[in-house]
Amino acid sequence: MPRQSEALILRTYPFHEADLLVTFFTRTEGKIRGVAKAAKRSKRRFGGALEPLTHVTAHWEEKEKQELVRLDSCDIISSPLEH
């Protein structure tokens, strides 16, 4: 089921070859962990949106009985790197 919410990126970890494991916090869902497929390669979908403390609109999809969500894209609202 596709979901969307404003979120704060908390942390990212390398995962497999080109993926990132992303921890983000939303007001409605709380802390969520998910996989951003090909995030190390795709500048179009993620760009600098996965830097810690970046305020984003996150788009993800949940599947039943899976702990991790699939993070599809993030649109930057504000970034700590904007100075």
PDB file of N, CA and C in Angstrom:
ATOM      1  N   MET A   1       0.837  -1.175   0.000  1.00  0.00           N
ATOM      2  CA  MET A   1       0.000   0.000   0.000  1.00  0.00           C
ATOM      3  C   MET A   1       0.890   1.249   0.000  1.00  0.00           C
ATOM      4  N   PRO A   2       0.785   2.111  -1.010  1.00  0.00           N
ATOM      5  CA  PRO A   2       1.620   3.325  -1.078  1.00  0.00           C
ATOM      6  C   PRO A   2       1.268   4.308   0.033  1.00  0.00           C
ATOM      7  N   ARG A   3       2.286   4.915   0.610  1.00  0.00           N
ATOM      8  CA  ARG A   3       2.117   5.896   1.688  1.00  0.00           C
ATOM      9  C   ARG A   3       2.957   7.125   1.365  1.00  0.00           C
ATOM     10  N   GLN A   4       2.582   8.249   1.987  1.00  0.00           N
ATOM     11  CA  GLN A   4       3.323   9.500   1.814  1.00  0.00           C
ATOM     12  C   GLN A   4       3.159  10.325   3.075  1.00  0.00           C
ATOM     13  N   SER A   5       4.253  10.954   3.524  1.00  0.00           N
ATOM     14  CA  SER A   5       4.195  11.793   4.715  1.00  0.00           C
ATOM     15  C   SER A   5       5.443  12.659   4.788  1.00  0.00           C
ATOM     16  N   GLU A   6       5.323  13.773   5.513  1.00  0.00           N
ATOM     17  CA  GLU A   6       6.520  14.547   5.824  1.00  0.00           C
ATOM     18  C   GLU A   6       7.344  13.721   6.804  1.00  0.00           C
ATOM     19  N   ALA A   7       8.659  13.779   6.640  1.00  0.00           N
ATOM     20  CA  ALA A   7       9.529  12.963   7.487  1.00  0.00           C
ATOM     21  C   ALA A   7      10.858  13.663   7.703  1.00  0.00           C
ATOM     22  N   LEU A   8      11.559  13.219   8.717  1.00  0.00           N
ATOM     23  CA  LEU A   8      12.912  13.679   9.016  1.00  0.00           C
ATOM     24  C   LEU A   8      13.828  12.465   8.869  1.00  0.00           C
ATOM     25  N   ILE A   9      14.839  12.581   8.012  1.00  0.00           N
ATOM     26  CA  ILE A   9      15.785  11.492   7.808  1.00  0.00           C
ATOM     27  C   ILE A   9      16.686  11.429   9.048  1.00  0.00           C
ATOM     28  N   LEU A  10      16.740  10.266   9.678  1.00  0.00           N
ATOM     29  CA  LEU A  10      17.561  10.107  10.877  1.00  0.00           C
ATOM     30  C   LEU A  10      18.938   9.537  10.560  1.00  0.00           C
ATOM     31  N   ARG A  11      18.972   8.462   9.738  1.00  0.00           N
ATOM     32  CA  ARG A  11      20.250   7.811   9.472  1.00  0.00           C
ATOM     33  C   ARG A  11      20.147   6.926   8.238  1.00  0.00           C
ATOM     34  N   THR A  12      21.283   6.743   7.569  1.00  0.00           N
ATOM     35  CA  THR A  12      21.333   5.805   6.444  1.00  0.00           C
ATOM     36  C   THR A  12      22.525   4.874   6.628  1.00  0.00           C
ATOM     37  N   TYR A  13      22.371   3.667   6.126  1.00  0.00           N
ATOM     38  CA  TYR A  13      23.430   2.651   6.184  1.00  0.00           C
ATOM     39  C   TYR A  13      23.570   2.028   4.796  1.00  0.00           C
ATOM     40  N   PRO A  14      24.777   1.690   4.376  1.00  0.00           N
ATOM     41  CA  PRO A  14      24.933   0.947   3.115  1.00  0.00           C
ATOM     42  C   PRO A  14      24.228  -0.409   3.234  1.00  0.00           C
ATOM     43  N   PHE A  15      23.599  -0.825   2.151  1.00  0.00           N
ATOM     44  CA  PHE A  15      22.857  -2.079   2.150  1.00  0.00           C
ATOM     45  C   PHE A  15      22.970  -2.693   0.763  1.00  0.00           C
ATOM     46  N   HIS A  16      23.541  -3.860   0.698  1.00  0.00           N
ATOM     47  CA  HIS A  16      23.839  -4.523  -0.574  1.00  0.00           C
ATOM     48  C   HIS A  16      24.743  -3.643  -1.432  1.00  0.00           C
ATOM     49  N   GLU A  17      24.669  -3.794  -2.742  1.00  0.00           N
ATOM     50  CA  GLU A  17      25.624  -3.105  -3.614  1.00  0.00           C
ATOM     51  C   GLU A  17      25.320  -1.617  -3.803  1.00  0.00           C
ATOM     52  N   ALA A  18      24.082  -1.282  -4.148  1.00  0.00           N
ATOM     53  CA  ALA A  18      23.754   0.107  -4.460  1.00  0.00           C
ATOM     54  C   ALA A  18      22.603   0.649  -3.621  1.00  0.00           C
ATOM     55  N   ASP A  19      22.112  -0.143  -2.663  1.00  0.00           N
ATOM     56  CA  ASP A  19      20.958   0.264  -1.863  1.00  0.00           C
ATOM     57  C   ASP A  19      21.396   0.923  -0.558  1.00  0.00           C
ATOM     58  N   LEU A  20      20.454   1.631   0.046  1.00  0.00           N
ATOM     59  CA  LEU A  20      20.680   2.207   1.372  1.00  0.00           C
ATOM     60  C   LEU A  20      19.548   1.771   2.292  1.00  0.00           C
ATOM     61  N   LEU A  21      19.894   1.480   3.527  1.00  0.00           N
ATOM     62  CA  LEU A  21      18.908   1.233   4.567  1.00  0.00           C
ATOM     63  C   LEU A  21      18.679   2.589   5.238  1.00  0.00           C
ATOM     64  N   VAL A  22      17.442   3.068   5.239  1.00  0.00           N
ATOM     65  CA  VAL A  22      17.130   4.425   5.700  1.00  0.00           C
ATOM     66  C   VAL A  22      16.212   4.355   6.915  1.00  0.00           C
ATOM     67  N   THR A  23      16.561   5.116   7.954  1.00  0.00           N
ATOM     68  CA  THR A  23      15.694   5.269   9.117  1.00  0.00           C
ATOM     69  C   THR A  23      15.161   6.692   9.080  1.00  0.00           C
ATOM     70  N   PHE A  24      13.819   6.827   9.086  1.00  0.00           N
ATOM     71  CA  PHE A  24      13.219   8.155   9.068  1.00  0.00           C
ATOM     72  C   PHE A  24      12.063   8.213  10.050  1.00  0.00           C
ATOM     73  N   PHE A  25      11.691   9.439  10.455  1.00  0.00           N
ATOM     74  CA  PHE A  25      10.656   9.637  11.462  1.00  0.00           C
ATOM     75  C   PHE A  25       9.530  10.472  10.883  1.00  0.00           C
ATOM     76  N   THR A  26       8.302   9.988  11.046  1.00  0.00           N
ATOM     77  CA  THR A  26       7.124  10.749  10.625  1.00  0.00           C
ATOM     78  C   THR A  26       6.255  11.016  11.851  1.00  0.00           C
ATOM     79  N   ARG A  27       5.466  12.065  11.798  1.00  0.00           N
ATOM     80  CA  ARG A  27       4.580  12.371  12.926  1.00  0.00           C
ATOM     81  C   ARG A  27       3.470  11.335  13.059  1.00  0.00           C
ATOM     82  N   THR A  28       2.957  10.864  11.936  1.00  0.00           N
ATOM     83  CA  THR A  28       1.817   9.952  11.971  1.00  0.00           C
ATOM     84  C   THR A  28       2.215   8.494  12.212  1.00  0.00           C
ATOM     85  N   GLU A  29       3.342   8.062  11.666  1.00  0.00           N
ATOM     86  CA  GLU A  29       3.740   6.652  11.738  1.00  0.00           C
ATOM     87  C   GLU A  29       4.861   6.377  12.737  1.00  0.00           C
ATOM     88  N   GLY A  30       5.547   7.424  13.193  1.00  0.00           N
ATOM     89  CA  GLY A  30       6.685   7.226  14.088  1.00  0.00           C
ATOM     90  C   GLY A  30       7.938   6.863  13.303  1.00  0.00           C
ATOM     91  N   LYS A  31       8.819   6.094  13.931  1.00  0.00           N
ATOM     92  CA  LYS A  31      10.089   5.717  13.296  1.00  0.00           C
ATOM     93  C   LYS A  31       9.865   4.558  12.330  1.00  0.00           C
ATOM     94  N   ILE A  32      10.385   4.713  11.107  1.00  0.00           N
ATOM     95  CA  ILE A  32      10.225   3.704  10.064  1.00  0.00           C
ATOM     96  C   ILE A  32      11.603   3.382   9.500  1.00  0.00           C
ATOM     97  N   ARG A  33      11.816   2.104   9.201  1.00  0.00           N
ATOM     98  CA  ARG A  33      13.050   1.674   8.535  1.00  0.00           C
ATOM     99  C   ARG A  33      12.671   1.107   7.180  1.00  0.00           C
ATOM    100  N   GLY A  34      13.445   1.492   6.175  1.00  0.00           N
ATOM    101  CA  GLY A  34      13.141   0.997   4.841  1.00  0.00           C
ATOM    102  C   GLY A  34      14.369   0.930   3.957  1.00  0.00           C
ATOM    103  N   VAL A  35      14.180   0.338   2.790  1.00  0.00           N
ATOM    104  CA  VAL A  35      15.256   0.188   1.817  1.00  0.00           C
ATOM    105  C   VAL A  35      15.012   1.146   0.657  1.00  0.00           C
ATOM    106  N   ALA A  36      16.022   1.931   0.328  1.00  0.00           N
ATOM    107  CA  ALA A  36      16.000   2.804  -0.846  1.00  0.00           C
ATOM    108  C   ALA A  36      16.796   2.087  -1.930  1.00  0.00           C
ATOM    109  N   LYS A  37      16.085   1.419  -2.839  1.00  0.00           N
ATOM    110  CA  LYS A  37      16.739   0.637  -3.894  1.00  0.00           C
ATOM    111  C   LYS A  37      17.540   1.543  -4.816  1.00  0.00           C
ATOM    112  N   ALA A  38      18.751   1.164  -5.134  1.00  0.00           N
ATOM    113  CA  ALA A  38      19.646   1.870  -6.058  1.00  0.00           C
ATOM    114  C   ALA A  38      19.865   3.337  -5.668  1.00  0.00           C
ATOM    115  N   ALA A  39      19.774   3.644  -4.379  1.00  0.00           N
ATOM    116  CA  ALA A  39      19.914   5.034  -3.927  1.00  0.00           C
ATOM    117  C   ALA A  39      21.307   5.595  -4.172  1.00  0.00           C
ATOM    118  N   LYS A  40      22.317   4.739  -4.187  1.00  0.00           N
ATOM    119  CA  LYS A  40      23.682   5.227  -4.436  1.00  0.00           C
ATOM    120  C   LYS A  40      23.874   5.599  -5.898  1.00  0.00           C
ATOM    121  N   ARG A  41      23.021   5.077  -6.771  1.00  0.00           N
ATOM    122  CA  ARG A  41      23.144   5.368  -8.204  1.00  0.00           C
ATOM    123  C   ARG A  41      22.158   6.420  -8.691  1.00  0.00           C
ATOM    124  N   SER A  42      20.963   6.470  -8.103  1.00  0.00           N
ATOM    125  CA  SER A  42      19.887   7.311  -8.624  1.00  0.00           C
ATOM    126  C   SER A  42      19.890   8.710  -8.021  1.00  0.00           C
ATOM    127  N   LYS A  43      20.463   9.650  -8.718  1.00  0.00           N
ATOM    128  CA  LYS A  43      20.461  11.041  -8.243  1.00  0.00           C
ATOM    129  C   LYS A  43      19.092  11.685  -8.475  1.00  0.00           C
ATOM    130  N   ARG A  44      18.343  11.194  -9.445  1.00  0.00           N
ATOM    131  CA  ARG A  44      17.041  11.777  -9.769  1.00  0.00           C
ATOM    132  C   ARG A  44      16.026  11.512  -8.653  1.00  0.00           C
ATOM    133  N   ARG A  45      15.974  10.282  -8.149  1.00  0.00           N
ATOM    134  CA  ARG A  45      14.967   9.938  -7.147  1.00  0.00           C
ATOM    135  C   ARG A  45      15.297  10.451  -5.754  1.00  0.00           C
ATOM    136  N   PHE A  46      16.571  10.480  -5.415  1.00  0.00           N
ATOM    137  CA  PHE A  46      16.925  10.828  -4.040  1.00  0.00           C
ATOM    138  C   PHE A  46      17.846  12.040  -3.917  1.00  0.00           C
ATOM    139  N   GLY A  47      18.767  12.245  -4.845  1.00  0.00           N
ATOM    140  CA  GLY A  47      19.687  13.379  -4.764  1.00  0.00           C
ATOM    141  C   GLY A  47      20.305  13.475  -3.382  1.00  0.00           C
ATOM    142  N   GLY A  48      20.238  14.625  -2.742  1.00  0.00           N
ATOM    143  CA  GLY A  48      20.769  14.810  -1.387  1.00  0.00           C
ATOM    144  C   GLY A  48      19.707  14.636  -0.321  1.00  0.00           C
ATOM    145  N   ALA A  49      18.564  14.069  -0.690  1.00  0.00           N
ATOM    146  CA  ALA A  49      17.429  13.973   0.235  1.00  0.00           C
ATOM    147  C   ALA A  49      17.646  12.978   1.367  1.00  0.00           C
ATOM    148  N   LEU A  50      18.639  12.114   1.269  1.00  0.00           N
ATOM    149  CA  LEU A  50      18.842  11.105   2.311  1.00  0.00           C
ATOM    150  C   LEU A  50      19.944  11.465   3.293  1.00  0.00           C
ATOM    151  N   GLU A  51      20.347  12.730   3.298  1.00  0.00           N
ATOM    152  CA  GLU A  51      21.317  13.187   4.296  1.00  0.00           C
ATOM    153  C   GLU A  51      20.620  13.309   5.650  1.00  0.00           C
ATOM    154  N   PRO A  52      21.309  12.974   6.752  1.00  0.00           N
ATOM    155  CA  PRO A  52      20.691  13.081   8.081  1.00  0.00           C
ATOM    156  C   PRO A  52      20.157  14.481   8.366  1.00  0.00           C
ATOM    157  N   LEU A  53      19.025  14.530   9.044  1.00  0.00           N
ATOM    158  CA  LEU A  53      18.308  15.740   9.468  1.00  0.00           C
ATOM    159  C   LEU A  53      17.681  16.519   8.304  1.00  0.00           C
ATOM    160  N   THR A  54      17.555  15.904   7.143  1.00  0.00           N
ATOM    161  CA  THR A  54      16.859  16.534   6.026  1.00  0.00           C
ATOM    162  C   THR A  54      15.365  16.327   6.208  1.00  0.00           C
ATOM    163  N   HIS A  55      14.597  17.412   6.054  1.00  0.00           N
ATOM    164  CA  HIS A  55      13.139  17.379   6.160  1.00  0.00           C
ATOM    165  C   HIS A  55      12.609  17.108   4.756  1.00  0.00           C
ATOM    166  N   VAL A  56      11.874  16.023   4.579  1.00  0.00           N
ATOM    167  CA  VAL A  56      11.443  15.586   3.252  1.00  0.00           C
ATOM    168  C   VAL A  56       9.963  15.207   3.246  1.00  0.00           C
ATOM    169  N   THR A  57       9.417  15.087   2.047  1.00  0.00           N
ATOM    170  CA  THR A  57       8.160  14.367   1.842  1.00  0.00           C
ATOM    171  C   THR A  57       8.572  12.995   1.333  1.00  0.00           C
ATOM    172  N   ALA A  58       8.345  11.976   2.130  1.00  0.00           N
ATOM    173  CA  ALA A  58       8.767  10.617   1.789  1.00  0.00           C
ATOM    174  C   ALA A  58       7.614   9.851   1.153  1.00  0.00           C
ATOM    175  N   HIS A  59       7.941   9.073   0.139  1.00  0.00           N
ATOM    176  CA  HIS A  59       6.975   8.216  -0.544  1.00  0.00           C
ATOM    177  C   HIS A  59       7.478   6.782  -0.376  1.00  0.00           C
ATOM    178  N   TRP A  60       6.675   5.927   0.246  1.00  0.00           N
ATOM    179  CA  TRP A  60       7.117   4.561   0.477  1.00  0.00           C
ATOM    180  C   TRP A  60       5.941   3.602   0.313  1.00  0.00           C
ATOM    181  N   GLU A  61       6.280   2.325   0.259  1.00  0.00           N
ATOM    182  CA  GLU A  61       5.267   1.288   0.134  1.00  0.00           C
ATOM    183  C   GLU A  61       5.513   0.209   1.177  1.00  0.00           C
ATOM    184  N   GLU A  62       4.431  -0.190   1.845  1.00  0.00           N
ATOM    185  CA  GLU A  62       4.509  -1.228   2.862  1.00  0.00           C
ATOM    186  C   GLU A  62       3.942  -2.520   2.298  1.00  0.00           C
ATOM    187  N   LYS A  63       4.525  -3.625   2.704  1.00  0.00           N
ATOM    188  CA  LYS A  63       3.976  -4.933   2.366  1.00  0.00           C
ATOM    189  C   LYS A  63       3.708  -5.685   3.656  1.00  0.00           C
ATOM    190  N   GLU A  64       2.652  -6.484   3.653  1.00  0.00           N
ATOM    191  CA  GLU A  64       2.306  -7.245   4.850  1.00  0.00           C
ATOM    192  C   GLU A  64       3.436  -8.164   5.277  1.00  0.00           C
ATOM    193  N   LYS A  65       3.591  -8.287   6.575  1.00  0.00           N
ATOM    194  CA  LYS A  65       4.562  -9.207   7.176  1.00  0.00           C
ATOM    195  C   LYS A  65       6.013  -8.908   6.822  1.00  0.00           C
ATOM    196  N   GLN A  66       6.305  -7.673   6.430  1.00  0.00           N
ATOM    197  CA  GLN A  66       7.698  -7.289   6.197  1.00  0.00           C
ATOM    198  C   GLN A  66       8.049  -6.136   7.117  1.00  0.00           C
ATOM    199  N   GLU A  67       9.194  -6.260   7.764  1.00  0.00           N
ATOM    200  CA  GLU A  67       9.630  -5.250   8.723  1.00  0.00           C
ATOM    201  C   GLU A  67      10.058  -3.958   8.015  1.00  0.00           C
ATOM    202  N   LEU A  68      10.738  -4.094   6.867  1.00  0.00           N
ATOM    203  CA  LEU A  68      11.241  -2.929   6.139  1.00  0.00           C
ATOM    204  C   LEU A  68      10.271  -2.514   5.045  1.00  0.00           C
ATOM    205  N   VAL A  69      10.107  -1.195   4.886  1.00  0.00           N
ATOM    206  CA  VAL A  69       9.294  -0.672   3.787  1.00  0.00           C
ATOM    207  C   VAL A  69      10.196  -0.440   2.580  1.00  0.00           C
ATOM    208  N   ARG A  70       9.618  -0.204   1.405  1.00  0.00           N
ATOM    209  CA  ARG A  70      10.392   0.157   0.216  1.00  0.00           C
ATOM    210  C   ARG A  70      10.236   1.659   0.004  1.00  0.00           C
ATOM    211  N   LEU A  71      11.313   2.413   0.181  1.00  0.00           N
ATOM    212  CA  LEU A  71      11.309   3.857   0.005  1.00  0.00           C
ATOM    213  C   LEU A  71      11.455   4.163  -1.479  1.00  0.00           C
ATOM    214  N   ASP A  72      10.413   4.771  -2.079  1.00  0.00           N
ATOM    215  CA  ASP A  72      10.400   5.019  -3.521  1.00  0.00           C
ATOM    216  C   ASP A  72      11.080   6.329  -3.906  1.00  0.00           C
ATOM    217  N   SER A  73      10.798   7.398  -3.162  1.00  0.00           N
ATOM    218  CA  SER A  73      11.424   8.692  -3.468  1.00  0.00           C
ATOM    219  C   SER A  73      11.253   9.635  -2.278  1.00  0.00           C
ATOM    220  N   CYS A  74      12.037  10.717  -2.295  1.00  0.00           N
ATOM    221  CA  CYS A  74      11.952  11.761  -1.273  1.00  0.00           C
ATOM    222  C   CYS A  74      12.080  13.120  -1.950  1.00  0.00           C
ATOM    223  N   ASP A  75      11.205  14.042  -1.576  1.00  0.00           N
ATOM    224  CA  ASP A  75      11.278  15.420  -2.066  1.00  0.00           C
ATOM    225  C   ASP A  75      11.725  16.294  -0.904  1.00  0.00           C
ATOM    226  N   ILE A  76      12.797  17.042  -1.099  1.00  0.00           N
ATOM    227  CA  ILE A  76      13.364  17.863  -0.034  1.00  0.00           C
ATOM    228  C   ILE A  76      12.459  19.051   0.267  1.00  0.00           C
ATOM    229  N   ILE A  77      12.155  19.235   1.547  1.00  0.00           N
ATOM    230  CA  ILE A  77      11.438  20.428   2.025  1.00  0.00           C
ATOM    231  C   ILE A  77      12.464  21.434   2.539  1.00  0.00           C
ATOM    232  N   SER A  78      13.373  20.954   3.394  1.00  0.00           N
ATOM    233  CA  SER A  78      14.493  21.779   3.850  1.00  0.00           C
ATOM    234  C   SER A  78      15.661  20.862   4.209  1.00  0.00           C
ATOM    235  N   SER A  79      16.855  21.413   4.091  1.00  0.00           N
ATOM    236  CA  SER A  79      18.046  20.632   4.328  1.00  0.00           C
ATOM    237  C   SER A  79      19.019  21.383   5.225  1.00  0.00           C
ATOM    238  N   PRO A  80      19.732  20.682   6.116  1.00  0.00           N
ATOM    239  CA  PRO A  80      20.740  21.356   6.931  1.00  0.00           C
ATOM    240  C   PRO A  80      21.943  21.792   6.098  1.00  0.00           C
ATOM    241  N   LEU A  81      22.031  21.327   4.867  1.00  0.00           N
ATOM    242  CA  LEU A  81      23.159  21.674   3.980  1.00  0.00           C
ATOM    243  C   LEU A  81      22.876  22.913   3.128  1.00  0.00           C
ATOM    244  N   GLU A  82      21.765  23.598   3.352  1.00  0.00           N
ATOM    245  CA  GLU A  82      21.344  24.741   2.514  1.00  0.00           C
ATOM    246  C   GLU A  82      22.003  26.068   2.892  1.00  0.00           C
ATOM    247  N   HIS A  83      23.166  26.100   3.397  1.00  0.00           N
ATOM    248  CA  HIS A  83      23.733  27.397   3.830  1.00  0.00           C
ATOM    249  C   HIS A  83      24.828  27.858   2.915  1.00  0.00           C
TER     250      HIS A  83
END
